[in-house]
């Protein structure tokens, strides 16, 4: 029996952060992203023992920023694109770092 805030903290610290490393290097298939979001959605909405909990907001609204009064969880596909773009940017900007030299030599 966790509060909604505790469920959200647990979700962001574990379920959301586990695939981050892999998403920064590989493209996540859309079916896998949907499946992971379903696991997160089921976890958030089933924080009570009651299986008849109402979903008070649409799951897509959960993704909106905190400034709009939502939970600020990012969709997997958008996060995947952002993380891969970060590495492309770093590859273009950082010429003298070791990891860049290793990749360039391969």
C-alpha atoms as a PDB file:
ATOM      1  CA  UNK A   1       0.000   0.000   0.000  1.00  0.00           C
ATOM      2  CA  UNK A   2       1.914   2.973  -1.329  1.00  0.00           C
ATOM      3  CA  UNK A   3       0.699   6.504  -1.802  1.00  0.00           C
ATOM      4  CA  UNK A   4       0.498   7.905  -5.334  1.00  0.00           C
ATOM      5  CA  UNK A   5       3.633   9.975  -4.670  1.00  0.00           C
ATOM      6  CA  UNK A   6       5.564   6.914  -3.489  1.00  0.00           C
ATOM      7  CA  UNK A   7       4.402   4.943  -6.531  1.00  0.00           C
ATOM      8  CA  UNK A   8       5.560   7.740  -8.828  1.00  0.00           C
ATOM      9  CA  UNK A   9       8.953   7.947  -7.080  1.00  0.00           C
ATOM     10  CA  UNK A  10       9.409   4.195  -7.335  1.00  0.00           C
ATOM     11  CA  UNK A  11       8.366   4.261 -10.980  1.00  0.00           C
ATOM     12  CA  UNK A  12      10.841   6.986 -11.914  1.00  0.00           C
ATOM     13  CA  UNK A  13      13.733   5.575  -9.908  1.00  0.00           C
ATOM     14  CA  UNK A  14      13.464   1.977 -11.104  1.00  0.00           C
ATOM     15  CA  UNK A  15      11.086   1.133 -13.948  1.00  0.00           C
ATOM     16  CA  UNK A  16      11.951   4.263 -15.906  1.00  0.00           C
ATOM     17  CA  UNK A  17      15.695   4.398 -15.276  1.00  0.00           C
ATOM     18  CA  UNK A  18      16.532   0.749 -16.052  1.00  0.00           C
ATOM     19  CA  UNK A  19      16.187   1.002 -19.861  1.00  0.00           C
ATOM     20  CA  UNK A  20      17.827   4.447 -20.096  1.00  0.00           C
ATOM     21  CA  UNK A  21      21.337   3.103 -20.756  1.00  0.00           C
ATOM     22  CA  UNK A  22      20.187   0.835 -23.586  1.00  0.00           C
ATOM     23  CA  UNK A  23      17.949   3.506 -25.059  1.00  0.00           C
ATOM     24  CA  UNK A  24      20.896   5.870 -25.419  1.00  0.00           C
ATOM     25  CA  UNK A  25      22.626   3.499 -27.871  1.00  0.00           C
ATOM     26  CA  UNK A  26      19.916   1.416 -29.537  1.00  0.00           C
ATOM     27  CA  UNK A  27      16.571   2.122 -31.142  1.00  0.00           C
ATOM     28  CA  UNK A  28      13.771   0.721 -29.042  1.00  0.00           C
ATOM     29  CA  UNK A  29      11.122  -1.018 -31.165  1.00  0.00           C
ATOM     30  CA  UNK A  30       7.706   0.621 -30.895  1.00  0.00           C
ATOM     31  CA  UNK A  31       6.139  -2.617 -29.651  1.00  0.00           C
ATOM     32  CA  UNK A  32       8.672  -2.821 -26.813  1.00  0.00           C
ATOM     33  CA  UNK A  33       8.108   0.844 -25.927  1.00  0.00           C
ATOM     34  CA  UNK A  34       4.350   0.228 -25.763  1.00  0.00           C
ATOM     35  CA  UNK A  35       4.899  -2.860 -23.606  1.00  0.00           C
ATOM     36  CA  UNK A  36       7.165  -0.978 -21.181  1.00  0.00           C
ATOM     37  CA  UNK A  37       4.671   1.877 -20.952  1.00  0.00           C
ATOM     38  CA  UNK A  38       1.911  -0.664 -20.269  1.00  0.00           C
ATOM     39  CA  UNK A  39       3.948  -2.098 -17.387  1.00  0.00           C
ATOM     40  CA  UNK A  40       4.429   1.410 -16.004  1.00  0.00           C
ATOM     41  CA  UNK A  41       0.754   2.263 -16.481  1.00  0.00           C
ATOM     42  CA  UNK A  42      -0.404  -0.918 -14.758  1.00  0.00           C
ATOM     43  CA  UNK A  43       1.983  -0.242 -11.883  1.00  0.00           C
ATOM     44  CA  UNK A  44       0.781   3.334 -11.378  1.00  0.00           C
ATOM     45  CA  UNK A  45      -2.922   2.525 -11.566  1.00  0.00           C
ATOM     46  CA  UNK A  46      -2.775  -0.621  -9.438  1.00  0.00           C
ATOM     47  CA  UNK A  47      -1.180   0.826  -6.301  1.00  0.00           C
ATOM     48  CA  UNK A  48      -4.125  -0.469  -4.225  1.00  0.00           C
ATOM     49  CA  UNK A  49      -5.322  -4.011  -3.784  1.00  0.00           C
ATOM     50  CA  UNK A  50      -8.561  -3.046  -5.472  1.00  0.00           C
ATOM     51  CA  UNK A  51      -8.582  -3.986  -9.149  1.00  0.00           C
ATOM     52  CA  UNK A  52     -11.471  -1.624  -9.897  1.00  0.00           C
ATOM     53  CA  UNK A  53      -9.519   1.612  -9.428  1.00  0.00           C
ATOM     54  CA  UNK A  54     -10.624   4.459 -11.630  1.00  0.00           C
ATOM     55  CA  UNK A  55      -8.064   6.068 -13.864  1.00  0.00           C
ATOM     56  CA  UNK A  56      -8.606   9.708 -13.040  1.00  0.00           C
ATOM     57  CA  UNK A  57      -6.580  11.051 -15.964  1.00  0.00           C
ATOM     58  CA  UNK A  58      -5.683   9.819 -19.418  1.00  0.00           C
ATOM     59  CA  UNK A  59      -2.276   8.083 -19.546  1.00  0.00           C
ATOM     60  CA  UNK A  60      -1.091  10.511 -22.270  1.00  0.00           C
ATOM     61  CA  UNK A  61      -1.674  13.392 -19.852  1.00  0.00           C
ATOM     62  CA  UNK A  62       0.751  11.757 -17.409  1.00  0.00           C
ATOM     63  CA  UNK A  63       3.507  12.635 -19.885  1.00  0.00           C
ATOM     64  CA  UNK A  64       2.823  16.382 -19.642  1.00  0.00           C
ATOM     65  CA  UNK A  65       5.298  18.511 -17.637  1.00  0.00           C
ATOM     66  CA  UNK A  66       4.917  19.234 -13.938  1.00  0.00           C
ATOM     67  CA  UNK A  67       4.267  22.895 -14.764  1.00  0.00           C
ATOM     68  CA  UNK A  68       0.987  21.765 -16.318  1.00  0.00           C
ATOM     69  CA  UNK A  69       0.106  19.840 -13.164  1.00  0.00           C
ATOM     70  CA  UNK A  70       0.952  16.378 -14.473  1.00  0.00           C
ATOM     71  CA  UNK A  71       3.427  13.649 -13.501  1.00  0.00           C
ATOM     72  CA  UNK A  72       6.190  14.487 -15.985  1.00  0.00           C
ATOM     73  CA  UNK A  73       6.991  10.963 -17.190  1.00  0.00           C
ATOM     74  CA  UNK A  74       8.471  10.963 -20.683  1.00  0.00           C
ATOM     75  CA  UNK A  75       7.301   8.584 -23.429  1.00  0.00           C
ATOM     76  CA  UNK A  76       9.882   5.917 -24.260  1.00  0.00           C
ATOM     77  CA  UNK A  77      10.060   6.653 -27.993  1.00  0.00           C
ATOM     78  CA  UNK A  78      10.673  10.377 -27.459  1.00  0.00           C
ATOM     79  CA  UNK A  79      13.273   9.688 -24.784  1.00  0.00           C
ATOM     80  CA  UNK A  80      14.971   7.144 -27.036  1.00  0.00           C
ATOM     81  CA  UNK A  81      15.281   9.717 -29.832  1.00  0.00           C
ATOM     82  CA  UNK A  82      16.588  12.373 -27.439  1.00  0.00           C
ATOM     83  CA  UNK A  83      19.266  10.088 -25.983  1.00  0.00           C
ATOM     84  CA  UNK A  84      20.514   8.952 -29.398  1.00  0.00           C
ATOM     85  CA  UNK A  85      20.600  12.566 -30.583  1.00  0.00           C
ATOM     86  CA  UNK A  86      22.702  13.455 -27.549  1.00  0.00           C
ATOM     87  CA  UNK A  87      25.371  10.947 -28.612  1.00  0.00           C
ATOM     88  CA  UNK A  88      25.355  12.230 -32.188  1.00  0.00           C
ATOM     89  CA  UNK A  89      25.845  15.765 -30.870  1.00  0.00           C
ATOM     90  CA  UNK A  90      28.658  14.668 -28.540  1.00  0.00           C
ATOM     91  CA  UNK A  91      30.331  12.793 -31.385  1.00  0.00           C
ATOM     92  CA  UNK A  92      30.265  15.922 -33.537  1.00  0.00           C
ATOM     93  CA  UNK A  93      31.481  18.289 -30.784  1.00  0.00           C
ATOM     94  CA  UNK A  94      34.025  16.258 -28.791  1.00  0.00           C
ATOM     95  CA  UNK A  95      37.045  15.481 -30.947  1.00  0.00           C
ATOM     96  CA  UNK A  96      39.745  14.978 -28.325  1.00  0.00           C
ATOM     97  CA  UNK A  97      38.055  12.522 -25.931  1.00  0.00           C
ATOM     98  CA  UNK A  98      39.163   8.904 -25.708  1.00  0.00           C
ATOM     99  CA  UNK A  99      35.804   7.279 -26.484  1.00  0.00           C
ATOM    100  CA  UNK A 100      35.535   9.332 -29.694  1.00  0.00           C
ATOM    101  CA  UNK A 101      39.046   8.316 -30.797  1.00  0.00           C
ATOM    102  CA  UNK A 102      38.287   4.627 -30.168  1.00  0.00           C
ATOM    103  CA  UNK A 103      35.071   4.781 -32.193  1.00  0.00           C
ATOM    104  CA  UNK A 104      36.780   6.699 -35.006  1.00  0.00           C
ATOM    105  CA  UNK A 105      39.599   4.160 -35.193  1.00  0.00           C
ATOM    106  CA  UNK A 106      37.130   1.270 -35.544  1.00  0.00           C
END
